[in-house]
Amino acid sequence: MTNYTIGTIDRGAFVAGDLLINGVDVGAVEVLRDDADNALRSAIETVEGVSASIDATGALVLSSQNQIEISGFDPTGQGSIEFHAGVLA
């Protein structure tokens, strides 16, 4: 199992093409702080074989039996959404 801990989430928005996971565009997503309404996790889970959760520290964690590749316009979130302390585990 591959886990990718992205970190805590500030609020913001992705437009189509901003965030791709394993080459799949998660689409346009309005994100609340800490993904309070599960919108980002739900969008990520449209990618086959990838699950998304929030751990006990409030960090977004992606899990897959296969490799996880994050790409797009601003995959580190230094733009409209800030992901803190991304670590591949």
C-alpha atoms as a PDB file:
ATOM      1  CA  MET A   1       0.000   0.000   0.000  1.00  0.00           C
ATOM      2  CA  THR A   2       1.283   3.450  -0.922  1.00  0.00           C
ATOM      3  CA  ASN A   3       0.286   6.354   1.324  1.00  0.00           C
ATOM      4  CA  TYR A   4       0.888   9.987   0.448  1.00  0.00           C
ATOM      5  CA  THR A   5       0.358  12.396   3.323  1.00  0.00           C
ATOM      6  CA  ILE A   6      -0.334  15.757   1.755  1.00  0.00           C
ATOM      7  CA  GLY A   7      -0.886  17.704   4.949  1.00  0.00           C
ATOM      8  CA  THR A   8      -3.507  20.063   6.276  1.00  0.00           C
ATOM      9  CA  ILE A   9      -5.773  21.910   3.871  1.00  0.00           C
ATOM     10  CA  ASP A  10      -6.583  25.603   3.726  1.00  0.00           C
ATOM     11  CA  ARG A  11      -9.770  26.537   1.897  1.00  0.00           C
ATOM     12  CA  GLY A  12      -9.833  27.487  -1.777  1.00  0.00           C
ATOM     13  CA  ALA A  13     -10.708  26.041  -5.137  1.00  0.00           C
ATOM     14  CA  PHE A  14      -9.371  23.902  -7.941  1.00  0.00           C
ATOM     15  CA  VAL A  15     -10.560  24.396 -11.505  1.00  0.00           C
ATOM     16  CA  ALA A  16     -10.535  21.573 -14.035  1.00  0.00           C
ATOM     17  CA  GLY A  17      -6.925  20.697 -14.853  1.00  0.00           C
ATOM     18  CA  ASP A  18      -5.447  22.022 -11.595  1.00  0.00           C
ATOM     19  CA  LEU A  19      -5.129  18.668  -9.848  1.00  0.00           C
ATOM     20  CA  LEU A  20      -4.434  15.351 -11.520  1.00  0.00           C
ATOM     21  CA  ILE A  21      -3.935  12.119  -9.627  1.00  0.00           C
ATOM     22  CA  ASN A  22      -2.436   9.272 -11.611  1.00  0.00           C
ATOM     23  CA  GLY A  23      -3.190  11.310 -14.727  1.00  0.00           C
ATOM     24  CA  VAL A  24      -6.894  11.704 -13.913  1.00  0.00           C
ATOM     25  CA  ASP A  25      -8.271  15.233 -13.543  1.00  0.00           C
ATOM     26  CA  VAL A  26     -10.294  15.483 -10.323  1.00  0.00           C
ATOM     27  CA  GLY A  27     -12.164  18.423 -11.856  1.00  0.00           C
ATOM     28  CA  ALA A  28     -13.406  21.669 -10.387  1.00  0.00           C
ATOM     29  CA  VAL A  29     -13.661  21.496  -6.587  1.00  0.00           C
ATOM     30  CA  GLU A  30     -14.507  24.174  -4.023  1.00  0.00           C
ATOM     31  CA  VAL A  31     -12.666  23.191  -0.845  1.00  0.00           C
ATOM     32  CA  LEU A  32     -13.446  24.218   2.724  1.00  0.00           C
ATOM     33  CA  ARG A  33     -10.764  24.335   5.423  1.00  0.00           C
ATOM     34  CA  ASP A  34      -9.816  20.785   6.411  1.00  0.00           C
ATOM     35  CA  ASP A  35     -12.169  19.578   3.650  1.00  0.00           C
ATOM     36  CA  ALA A  36     -15.033  19.966   6.117  1.00  0.00           C
ATOM     37  CA  ASP A  37     -17.692  18.919   3.570  1.00  0.00           C
ATOM     38  CA  ASN A  38     -15.635  16.060   2.029  1.00  0.00           C
ATOM     39  CA  ALA A  39     -15.690  17.707  -1.422  1.00  0.00           C
ATOM     40  CA  LEU A  40     -11.977  17.234  -2.104  1.00  0.00           C
ATOM     41  CA  ARG A  41     -11.891  13.671  -0.763  1.00  0.00           C
ATOM     42  CA  SER A  42     -14.946  12.779  -2.854  1.00  0.00           C
ATOM     43  CA  ALA A  43     -13.356  14.240  -5.993  1.00  0.00           C
ATOM     44  CA  ILE A  44     -10.078  12.400  -5.355  1.00  0.00           C
ATOM     45  CA  GLU A  45     -11.897   9.112  -4.858  1.00  0.00           C
ATOM     46  CA  THR A  46     -13.222   9.300  -8.433  1.00  0.00           C
ATOM     47  CA  VAL A  47      -9.701   8.167  -9.381  1.00  0.00           C
ATOM     48  CA  GLU A  48      -9.820   4.386  -9.601  1.00  0.00           C
ATOM     49  CA  GLY A  49      -7.869   2.683  -6.818  1.00  0.00           C
ATOM     50  CA  VAL A  50      -7.183   5.831  -4.784  1.00  0.00           C
ATOM     51  CA  SER A  51      -8.797   6.584  -1.443  1.00  0.00           C
ATOM     52  CA  ALA A  52      -8.584   9.811   0.534  1.00  0.00           C
ATOM     53  CA  SER A  53      -8.954  10.379   4.259  1.00  0.00           C
ATOM     54  CA  ILE A  54      -8.153  12.863   6.980  1.00  0.00           C
ATOM     55  CA  ASP A  55      -5.877  11.499   9.700  1.00  0.00           C
ATOM     56  CA  ALA A  56      -5.861  12.308  13.435  1.00  0.00           C
ATOM     57  CA  THR A  57      -3.631  15.359  12.844  1.00  0.00           C
ATOM     58  CA  GLY A  58      -5.997  16.806  10.215  1.00  0.00           C
ATOM     59  CA  ALA A  59      -3.746  15.897   7.275  1.00  0.00           C
ATOM     60  CA  LEU A  60      -5.134  14.675   3.954  1.00  0.00           C
ATOM     61  CA  VAL A  61      -3.839  11.165   3.217  1.00  0.00           C
ATOM     62  CA  LEU A  62      -4.105   9.448  -0.162  1.00  0.00           C
ATOM     63  CA  SER A  63      -3.807   5.659  -0.260  1.00  0.00           C
ATOM     64  CA  SER A  64      -3.508   3.190  -3.115  1.00  0.00           C
ATOM     65  CA  GLN A  65      -2.306  -0.335  -3.806  1.00  0.00           C
ATOM     66  CA  ASN A  66      -0.304   1.234  -6.644  1.00  0.00           C
ATOM     67  CA  GLN A  67       1.851   4.309  -7.120  1.00  0.00           C
ATOM     68  CA  ILE A  68       0.294   7.727  -6.504  1.00  0.00           C
ATOM     69  CA  GLU A  69       1.335  10.489  -8.881  1.00  0.00           C
ATOM     70  CA  ILE A  70       0.117  14.032  -8.218  1.00  0.00           C
ATOM     71  CA  SER A  71       0.436  16.624 -10.961  1.00  0.00           C
ATOM     72  CA  GLY A  72      -1.333  19.586 -12.497  1.00  0.00           C
ATOM     73  CA  PHE A  73      -1.207  23.360 -12.477  1.00  0.00           C
ATOM     74  CA  ASP A  74      -0.428  23.648  -8.786  1.00  0.00           C
ATOM     75  CA  PRO A  75      -0.198  20.191  -7.212  1.00  0.00           C
ATOM     76  CA  THR A  76       1.673  21.418  -4.128  1.00  0.00           C
ATOM     77  CA  GLY A  77      -1.115  23.885  -3.420  1.00  0.00           C
ATOM     78  CA  GLN A  78       1.044  26.965  -3.223  1.00  0.00           C
ATOM     79  CA  GLY A  79      -1.704  28.774  -5.133  1.00  0.00           C
ATOM     80  CA  SER A  80      -5.378  28.759  -4.225  1.00  0.00           C
ATOM     81  CA  ILE A  81      -5.207  25.784  -1.865  1.00  0.00           C
ATOM     82  CA  GLU A  82      -2.234  25.221   0.348  1.00  0.00           C
ATOM     83  CA  PHE A  83      -1.237  21.687   1.254  1.00  0.00           C
ATOM     84  CA  HIS A  84       1.276  21.669   4.091  1.00  0.00           C
ATOM     85  CA  ALA A  85       4.069  19.145   4.591  1.00  0.00           C
ATOM     86  CA  GLY A  86       3.468  16.625   1.819  1.00  0.00           C
ATOM     87  CA  VAL A  87       5.319  13.371   2.561  1.00  0.00           C
ATOM     88  CA  LEU A  88       5.347  10.143   0.592  1.00  0.00           C
ATOM     89  CA  ALA A  89       5.106   7.309   3.119  1.00  0.00           C
END
